[in-house]
Amino acid sequence: MKLVILEKGQNQVVAGLEGDEGHETCPVLDFLRNQPANLQGTAKGFRALFKRYADGGRALLTPELFHEASAPEGIWEFIKGPLRVFCFQDGGNLVILSHGNRKKRQTANPQDVARAVELRRRYRQAKQTHQLTWMEDTPHD
């Protein structure tokens, strides 16, 4: 499994890649880059949220910017306007981003939670079998 490092500091913010070898895509970055013109500023603001998390973890983010999407599943979400980026944590200083979605309901969509849970399952399996590959992000803005 490949992970792309988006921000490093006291903590690390990484995103999972999907797809076949050599044709991987990053669902989080694709989601943020492909927002309509009226949400481009909001989408770009996620980088600042990821940086704040990298610098100081949850303590630097209010519950309006970062909170549990599903407490039973341990899935969290970064929030900026109507956009959400789902994630889970591994240990105290690593957060793995799964994917993004536009908020359409009061509570997190169960399909979004399930998608993040599936990435976490794959991540844990890859970690246990020493199949994690780390890549540095190359900024595209």
N, C-alpha and C. Protein backbone atom coordinates (compact mmCIF):
# COMPACT_ATOMS: atom_id res chain seq x y z
N MET A 1 0.85 -1.18 0.00
CA MET A 1 0.00 0.00 0.00
C MET A 1 0.88 1.23 0.00
N LYS A 2 0.52 2.19 -0.85
CA LYS A 2 1.28 3.44 -0.92
C LYS A 2 0.54 4.56 -0.18
N LEU A 3 1.33 5.36 0.51
CA LEU A 3 0.83 6.53 1.22
C LEU A 3 1.64 7.74 0.78
N VAL A 4 0.98 8.86 0.62
CA VAL A 4 1.67 10.09 0.26
C VAL A 4 1.66 11.01 1.47
N ILE A 5 2.83 11.51 1.83
CA ILE A 5 2.98 12.40 2.98
C ILE A 5 2.61 13.81 2.53
N LEU A 6 1.56 14.36 3.14
CA LEU A 6 1.10 15.69 2.78
C LEU A 6 1.69 16.77 3.68
N GLU A 7 1.81 16.46 4.97
CA GLU A 7 2.36 17.43 5.93
C GLU A 7 3.13 16.67 7.01
N LYS A 8 4.26 17.25 7.40
CA LYS A 8 5.07 16.69 8.48
C LYS A 8 5.31 17.77 9.52
N GLY A 9 5.35 17.36 10.75
CA GLY A 9 5.64 18.24 11.86
C GLY A 9 5.72 17.37 13.09
N GLN A 10 5.14 17.82 14.17
CA GLN A 10 5.03 17.01 15.37
C GLN A 10 4.20 15.76 15.05
N ASN A 11 3.30 15.89 14.10
CA ASN A 11 2.46 14.82 13.61
C ASN A 11 2.66 14.71 12.10
N GLN A 12 2.16 13.62 11.52
CA GLN A 12 2.19 13.47 10.07
C GLN A 12 0.76 13.31 9.55
N VAL A 13 0.51 13.95 8.42
CA VAL A 13 -0.76 13.81 7.72
C VAL A 13 -0.42 13.16 6.39
N VAL A 14 -0.99 11.97 6.17
CA VAL A 14 -0.73 11.22 4.95
C VAL A 14 -2.05 10.83 4.31
N ALA A 15 -2.01 10.52 3.02
CA ALA A 15 -3.21 10.09 2.31
C ALA A 15 -2.94 8.77 1.62
N GLY A 16 -3.95 7.92 1.62
CA GLY A 16 -3.84 6.65 0.94
C GLY A 16 -4.00 6.81 -0.56
N LEU A 17 -3.31 5.95 -1.31
CA LEU A 17 -3.43 5.93 -2.76
C LEU A 17 -4.25 4.71 -3.17
N GLU A 18 -4.96 4.84 -4.28
CA GLU A 18 -5.75 3.74 -4.82
C GLU A 18 -5.33 3.48 -6.25
N GLY A 19 -5.60 2.27 -6.71
CA GLY A 19 -5.33 1.93 -8.10
C GLY A 19 -4.20 0.95 -8.25
N ASP A 20 -3.93 0.61 -9.50
CA ASP A 20 -2.89 -0.36 -9.82
C ASP A 20 -1.51 0.28 -9.80
N GLU A 21 -0.50 -0.54 -9.62
CA GLU A 21 0.89 -0.10 -9.61
C GLU A 21 1.19 0.77 -10.82
N GLY A 22 1.71 1.95 -10.56
CA GLY A 22 2.05 2.87 -11.64
C GLY A 22 0.88 3.73 -12.10
N HIS A 23 -0.34 3.40 -11.67
CA HIS A 23 -1.52 4.17 -12.05
C HIS A 23 -2.33 4.57 -10.82
N GLU A 24 -1.62 4.81 -9.72
CA GLU A 24 -2.30 5.17 -8.48
C GLU A 24 -2.82 6.60 -8.53
N THR A 25 -3.90 6.81 -7.82
CA THR A 25 -4.44 8.15 -7.65
C THR A 25 -4.65 8.38 -6.16
N CYS A 26 -4.71 9.63 -5.79
CA CYS A 26 -4.95 10.00 -4.40
C CYS A 26 -6.37 10.56 -4.31
N PRO A 27 -7.32 9.79 -3.77
CA PRO A 27 -8.71 10.26 -3.70
C PRO A 27 -8.87 11.62 -3.02
N VAL A 28 -8.11 11.86 -1.97
CA VAL A 28 -8.24 13.14 -1.25
C VAL A 28 -7.79 14.30 -2.13
N LEU A 29 -6.60 14.19 -2.72
CA LEU A 29 -6.10 15.29 -3.55
C LEU A 29 -6.95 15.46 -4.80
N ASP A 30 -7.40 14.36 -5.40
CA ASP A 30 -8.29 14.46 -6.56
C ASP A 30 -9.58 15.17 -6.19
N PHE A 31 -10.15 14.82 -5.05
CA PHE A 31 -11.38 15.45 -4.58
C PHE A 31 -11.18 16.96 -4.41
N LEU A 32 -10.11 17.35 -3.75
CA LEU A 32 -9.87 18.77 -3.49
C LEU A 32 -9.57 19.54 -4.78
N ARG A 33 -8.83 18.94 -5.69
CA ARG A 33 -8.49 19.62 -6.95
C ARG A 33 -9.68 19.76 -7.89
N ASN A 34 -10.65 18.87 -7.78
CA ASN A 34 -11.75 18.83 -8.74
C ASN A 34 -13.03 19.50 -8.24
N GLN A 35 -12.91 20.39 -7.28
CA GLN A 35 -14.08 21.12 -6.81
C GLN A 35 -14.45 22.21 -7.81
N PRO A 36 -15.74 22.57 -7.89
CA PRO A 36 -16.14 23.65 -8.78
C PRO A 36 -15.51 24.97 -8.36
N ALA A 37 -15.51 25.92 -9.26
CA ALA A 37 -14.85 27.22 -9.03
C ALA A 37 -15.29 27.87 -7.73
N ASN A 38 -16.57 27.77 -7.39
CA ASN A 38 -17.06 28.44 -6.17
C ASN A 38 -16.57 27.76 -4.89
N LEU A 39 -15.98 26.56 -4.98
CA LEU A 39 -15.46 25.88 -3.80
C LEU A 39 -13.94 25.70 -3.83
N GLN A 40 -13.28 26.26 -4.83
CA GLN A 40 -11.82 26.11 -4.93
C GLN A 40 -11.11 26.71 -3.72
N GLY A 41 -11.53 27.87 -3.26
CA GLY A 41 -10.90 28.49 -2.10
C GLY A 41 -11.09 27.63 -0.86
N THR A 42 -12.27 27.08 -0.69
CA THR A 42 -12.55 26.19 0.43
C THR A 42 -11.66 24.96 0.35
N ALA A 43 -11.57 24.37 -0.83
CA ALA A 43 -10.76 23.16 -1.02
C ALA A 43 -9.29 23.43 -0.71
N LYS A 44 -8.78 24.56 -1.16
CA LYS A 44 -7.38 24.89 -0.90
C LYS A 44 -7.11 25.13 0.58
N GLY A 45 -8.15 25.53 1.32
CA GLY A 45 -8.00 25.76 2.76
C GLY A 45 -7.71 24.51 3.55
N PHE A 46 -7.96 23.34 2.97
CA PHE A 46 -7.66 22.10 3.68
C PHE A 46 -6.17 21.95 3.95
N ARG A 47 -5.33 22.46 3.06
CA ARG A 47 -3.88 22.38 3.29
C ARG A 47 -3.51 23.04 4.61
N ALA A 48 -4.16 24.18 4.91
CA ALA A 48 -3.89 24.87 6.17
C ALA A 48 -4.35 24.02 7.37
N LEU A 49 -5.49 23.34 7.22
CA LEU A 49 -5.95 22.45 8.30
C LEU A 49 -4.98 21.29 8.50
N PHE A 50 -4.52 20.71 7.40
CA PHE A 50 -3.56 19.60 7.51
C PHE A 50 -2.26 20.07 8.17
N LYS A 51 -1.82 21.28 7.82
CA LYS A 51 -0.60 21.84 8.40
C LYS A 51 -0.77 22.07 9.91
N ARG A 52 -1.93 22.61 10.29
CA ARG A 52 -2.18 22.83 11.71
C ARG A 52 -2.19 21.51 12.47
N TYR A 53 -2.80 20.48 11.88
CA TYR A 53 -2.79 19.17 12.53
C TYR A 53 -1.35 18.66 12.65
N ALA A 54 -0.58 18.79 11.60
CA ALA A 54 0.82 18.33 11.63
C ALA A 54 1.60 19.06 12.71
N ASP A 55 1.34 20.34 12.88
CA ASP A 55 2.08 21.13 13.86
C ASP A 55 1.69 20.85 15.30
N GLY A 56 0.41 20.54 15.55
CA GLY A 56 0.01 20.38 16.95
C GLY A 56 -1.12 19.42 17.21
N GLY A 57 -1.52 18.66 16.23
CA GLY A 57 -2.58 17.68 16.43
C GLY A 57 -3.95 18.29 16.64
N ARG A 58 -4.81 17.53 17.26
CA ARG A 58 -6.20 17.97 17.45
C ARG A 58 -6.29 19.22 18.31
N ALA A 59 -5.30 19.44 19.17
CA ALA A 59 -5.35 20.59 20.07
C ALA A 59 -5.41 21.91 19.31
N LEU A 60 -4.90 21.96 18.07
CA LEU A 60 -4.91 23.20 17.29
C LEU A 60 -6.15 23.36 16.42
N LEU A 61 -7.05 22.37 16.47
CA LEU A 61 -8.26 22.43 15.65
C LEU A 61 -9.50 22.35 16.52
N THR A 62 -10.45 23.24 16.27
CA THR A 62 -11.70 23.21 17.01
C THR A 62 -12.56 22.05 16.52
N PRO A 63 -13.58 21.66 17.28
CA PRO A 63 -14.49 20.61 16.82
C PRO A 63 -15.22 20.98 15.53
N GLU A 64 -15.31 22.27 15.23
CA GLU A 64 -15.95 22.69 13.97
C GLU A 64 -15.05 22.41 12.77
N LEU A 65 -13.74 22.21 13.02
CA LEU A 65 -12.78 21.94 11.94
C LEU A 65 -12.36 20.47 11.87
N PHE A 66 -12.49 19.75 13.00
CA PHE A 66 -12.04 18.37 13.04
C PHE A 66 -12.80 17.66 14.15
N HIS A 67 -13.58 16.65 13.81
CA HIS A 67 -14.27 15.88 14.84
C HIS A 67 -14.58 14.46 14.36
N GLU A 68 -15.05 13.64 15.30
CA GLU A 68 -15.36 12.26 14.98
C GLU A 68 -16.59 12.20 14.08
N ALA A 69 -16.45 11.52 12.96
CA ALA A 69 -17.59 11.28 12.08
C ALA A 69 -18.34 10.05 12.55
N SER A 70 -17.61 9.11 13.15
CA SER A 70 -18.20 7.89 13.69
C SER A 70 -17.36 7.43 14.87
N ALA A 71 -17.85 7.70 16.07
CA ALA A 71 -17.13 7.29 17.27
C ALA A 71 -16.97 5.77 17.35
N PRO A 72 -18.01 4.99 17.06
CA PRO A 72 -17.84 3.53 17.15
C PRO A 72 -16.76 2.99 16.21
N GLU A 73 -16.61 3.62 15.06
CA GLU A 73 -15.63 3.14 14.07
C GLU A 73 -14.29 3.85 14.18
N GLY A 74 -14.21 4.94 14.95
CA GLY A 74 -12.95 5.68 15.08
C GLY A 74 -12.59 6.45 13.81
N ILE A 75 -13.59 6.91 13.10
CA ILE A 75 -13.38 7.67 11.87
C ILE A 75 -13.61 9.15 12.17
N TRP A 76 -12.70 9.98 11.71
CA TRP A 76 -12.74 11.41 11.94
C TRP A 76 -12.93 12.13 10.62
N GLU A 77 -13.22 13.45 10.69
CA GLU A 77 -13.32 14.24 9.48
C GLU A 77 -12.78 15.65 9.71
N PHE A 78 -12.02 16.11 8.71
CA PHE A 78 -11.64 17.51 8.62
C PHE A 78 -12.80 18.21 7.93
N ILE A 79 -13.11 19.42 8.37
CA ILE A 79 -14.29 20.13 7.87
C ILE A 79 -13.89 21.52 7.41
N LYS A 80 -14.35 21.89 6.25
CA LYS A 80 -14.17 23.25 5.75
C LYS A 80 -15.38 23.54 4.88
N GLY A 81 -16.26 24.44 5.35
CA GLY A 81 -17.49 24.73 4.61
C GLY A 81 -18.28 23.45 4.41
N PRO A 82 -18.78 23.21 3.20
CA PRO A 82 -19.57 22.00 2.95
C PRO A 82 -18.71 20.77 2.64
N LEU A 83 -17.39 20.91 2.66
CA LEU A 83 -16.51 19.81 2.27
C LEU A 83 -16.00 19.06 3.49
N ARG A 84 -15.84 17.76 3.33
CA ARG A 84 -15.34 16.89 4.39
C ARG A 84 -14.22 16.02 3.85
N VAL A 85 -13.20 15.78 4.65
CA VAL A 85 -12.14 14.83 4.32
C VAL A 85 -12.09 13.83 5.48
N PHE A 86 -12.36 12.58 5.17
CA PHE A 86 -12.44 11.52 6.17
C PHE A 86 -11.05 10.94 6.44
N CYS A 87 -10.86 10.49 7.69
CA CYS A 87 -9.55 9.98 8.09
C CYS A 87 -9.67 9.08 9.30
N PHE A 88 -8.55 8.46 9.64
CA PHE A 88 -8.44 7.70 10.88
C PHE A 88 -7.03 7.93 11.41
N GLN A 89 -6.84 7.61 12.66
CA GLN A 89 -5.55 7.85 13.30
C GLN A 89 -4.85 6.53 13.58
N ASP A 90 -3.54 6.57 13.53
CA ASP A 90 -2.72 5.42 13.91
C ASP A 90 -1.72 5.93 14.93
N GLY A 91 -1.93 5.54 16.16
CA GLY A 91 -1.09 6.06 17.23
C GLY A 91 -1.44 7.52 17.48
N GLY A 92 -0.60 8.19 18.19
CA GLY A 92 -0.87 9.56 18.56
C GLY A 92 -0.43 10.60 17.56
N ASN A 93 0.42 10.24 16.59
CA ASN A 93 0.98 11.29 15.74
C ASN A 93 0.85 11.04 14.24
N LEU A 94 -0.05 10.17 13.84
CA LEU A 94 -0.24 9.89 12.42
C LEU A 94 -1.72 9.87 12.10
N VAL A 95 -2.11 10.64 11.10
CA VAL A 95 -3.49 10.61 10.62
C VAL A 95 -3.44 10.25 9.14
N ILE A 96 -4.29 9.31 8.74
CA ILE A 96 -4.33 8.83 7.37
C ILE A 96 -5.65 9.28 6.76
N LEU A 97 -5.54 10.08 5.69
CA LEU A 97 -6.72 10.60 5.00
C LEU A 97 -7.23 9.55 4.01
N SER A 98 -8.53 9.38 3.99
CA SER A 98 -9.15 8.39 3.14
C SER A 98 -9.67 8.99 1.83
N HIS A 99 -10.61 9.92 1.95
CA HIS A 99 -11.28 10.50 0.78
C HIS A 99 -12.05 11.73 1.23
N GLY A 100 -12.60 12.43 0.28
CA GLY A 100 -13.40 13.60 0.58
C GLY A 100 -14.80 13.46 0.03
N ASN A 101 -15.69 14.30 0.58
CA ASN A 101 -17.07 14.31 0.11
C ASN A 101 -17.70 15.64 0.47
N ARG A 102 -18.74 15.97 -0.22
CA ARG A 102 -19.50 17.17 0.09
C ARG A 102 -20.63 16.80 1.04
N LYS A 103 -20.77 17.56 2.10
CA LYS A 103 -21.78 17.27 3.12
C LYS A 103 -23.17 17.44 2.52
N LYS A 104 -24.02 16.42 2.76
CA LYS A 104 -25.39 16.48 2.26
C LYS A 104 -26.40 16.16 3.35
N ARG A 105 -25.94 15.79 4.52
CA ARG A 105 -26.83 15.40 5.60
C ARG A 105 -26.22 15.81 6.94
N GLN A 106 -27.04 15.73 7.98
CA GLN A 106 -26.59 16.16 9.30
C GLN A 106 -25.47 15.27 9.86
N THR A 107 -25.61 13.97 9.69
CA THR A 107 -24.61 13.04 10.19
C THR A 107 -23.77 12.51 9.03
N ALA A 108 -22.65 11.91 9.35
CA ALA A 108 -21.78 11.36 8.32
C ALA A 108 -22.50 10.25 7.56
N ASN A 109 -22.33 10.23 6.27
CA ASN A 109 -22.92 9.21 5.42
C ASN A 109 -22.27 7.86 5.78
N PRO A 110 -23.07 6.83 6.06
CA PRO A 110 -22.51 5.52 6.40
C PRO A 110 -21.58 4.97 5.31
N GLN A 111 -21.82 5.30 4.05
CA GLN A 111 -20.94 4.83 2.98
C GLN A 111 -19.56 5.48 3.09
N ASP A 112 -19.51 6.75 3.49
CA ASP A 112 -18.21 7.41 3.68
C ASP A 112 -17.46 6.78 4.84
N VAL A 113 -18.17 6.50 5.92
CA VAL A 113 -17.54 5.85 7.07
C VAL A 113 -17.01 4.48 6.66
N ALA A 114 -17.82 3.71 5.93
CA ALA A 114 -17.40 2.37 5.49
C ALA A 114 -16.18 2.44 4.58
N ARG A 115 -16.11 3.45 3.73
CA ARG A 115 -14.95 3.59 2.84
C ARG A 115 -13.68 3.86 3.64
N ALA A 116 -13.78 4.71 4.65
CA ALA A 116 -12.62 5.00 5.51
C ALA A 116 -12.23 3.77 6.32
N VAL A 117 -13.22 3.03 6.80
CA VAL A 117 -12.94 1.81 7.56
C VAL A 117 -12.22 0.79 6.68
N GLU A 118 -12.63 0.68 5.43
CA GLU A 118 -11.97 -0.25 4.50
C GLU A 118 -10.52 0.15 4.27
N LEU A 119 -10.26 1.44 4.11
CA LEU A 119 -8.87 1.88 3.94
C LEU A 119 -8.06 1.55 5.19
N ARG A 120 -8.67 1.77 6.36
CA ARG A 120 -7.97 1.45 7.61
C ARG A 120 -7.64 -0.05 7.68
N ARG A 121 -8.57 -0.90 7.26
CA ARG A 121 -8.32 -2.34 7.25
C ARG A 121 -7.14 -2.68 6.34
N ARG A 122 -7.13 -2.10 5.14
CA ARG A 122 -6.03 -2.34 4.19
C ARG A 122 -4.71 -1.79 4.75
N TYR A 123 -4.78 -0.61 5.37
CA TYR A 123 -3.59 0.00 5.96
C TYR A 123 -3.01 -0.90 7.05
N ARG A 124 -3.86 -1.38 7.95
CA ARG A 124 -3.38 -2.23 9.05
C ARG A 124 -2.77 -3.53 8.52
N GLN A 125 -3.40 -4.11 7.51
CA GLN A 125 -2.86 -5.32 6.92
C GLN A 125 -1.50 -5.05 6.28
N ALA A 126 -1.39 -3.95 5.53
CA ALA A 126 -0.11 -3.60 4.89
C ALA A 126 0.96 -3.30 5.94
N LYS A 127 0.58 -2.63 7.00
CA LYS A 127 1.52 -2.32 8.08
C LYS A 127 2.02 -3.60 8.74
N GLN A 128 1.11 -4.51 9.01
CA GLN A 128 1.47 -5.77 9.66
C GLN A 128 2.40 -6.61 8.79
N THR A 129 2.22 -6.54 7.47
CA THR A 129 3.03 -7.35 6.56
C THR A 129 4.20 -6.56 5.96
N HIS A 130 4.44 -5.37 6.51
CA HIS A 130 5.55 -4.51 6.07
C HIS A 130 5.43 -4.16 4.58
N GLN A 131 4.22 -3.86 4.14
CA GLN A 131 3.97 -3.53 2.74
C GLN A 131 3.58 -2.06 2.55
N LEU A 132 3.99 -1.20 3.46
CA LEU A 132 3.71 0.23 3.34
C LEU A 132 4.84 0.91 2.58
N THR A 133 4.49 1.75 1.63
CA THR A 133 5.45 2.54 0.89
C THR A 133 5.08 4.01 1.10
N TRP A 134 6.06 4.82 1.47
CA TRP A 134 5.83 6.23 1.77
C TRP A 134 6.40 7.08 0.63
N MET A 135 5.61 8.04 0.17
CA MET A 135 6.04 8.96 -0.88
C MET A 135 5.84 10.39 -0.40
N GLU A 136 6.69 11.29 -0.87
CA GLU A 136 6.52 12.72 -0.58
C GLU A 136 5.56 13.31 -1.60
N ASP A 137 4.70 14.21 -1.14
CA ASP A 137 3.78 14.90 -2.04
C ASP A 137 4.54 15.97 -2.81
N THR A 138 4.17 16.15 -4.06
CA THR A 138 4.70 17.26 -4.85
C THR A 138 3.57 18.25 -5.05
N PRO A 139 3.67 19.44 -4.48
CA PRO A 139 2.59 20.43 -4.56
C PRO A 139 2.20 20.72 -6.01
N HIS A 140 0.89 20.87 -6.20
CA HIS A 140 0.36 21.16 -7.53
C HIS A 140 -0.32 22.51 -7.62
N ASP A 141 -0.30 23.30 -6.52
CA ASP A 141 -1.01 24.59 -6.57
C ASP A 141 -0.09 25.68 -7.08
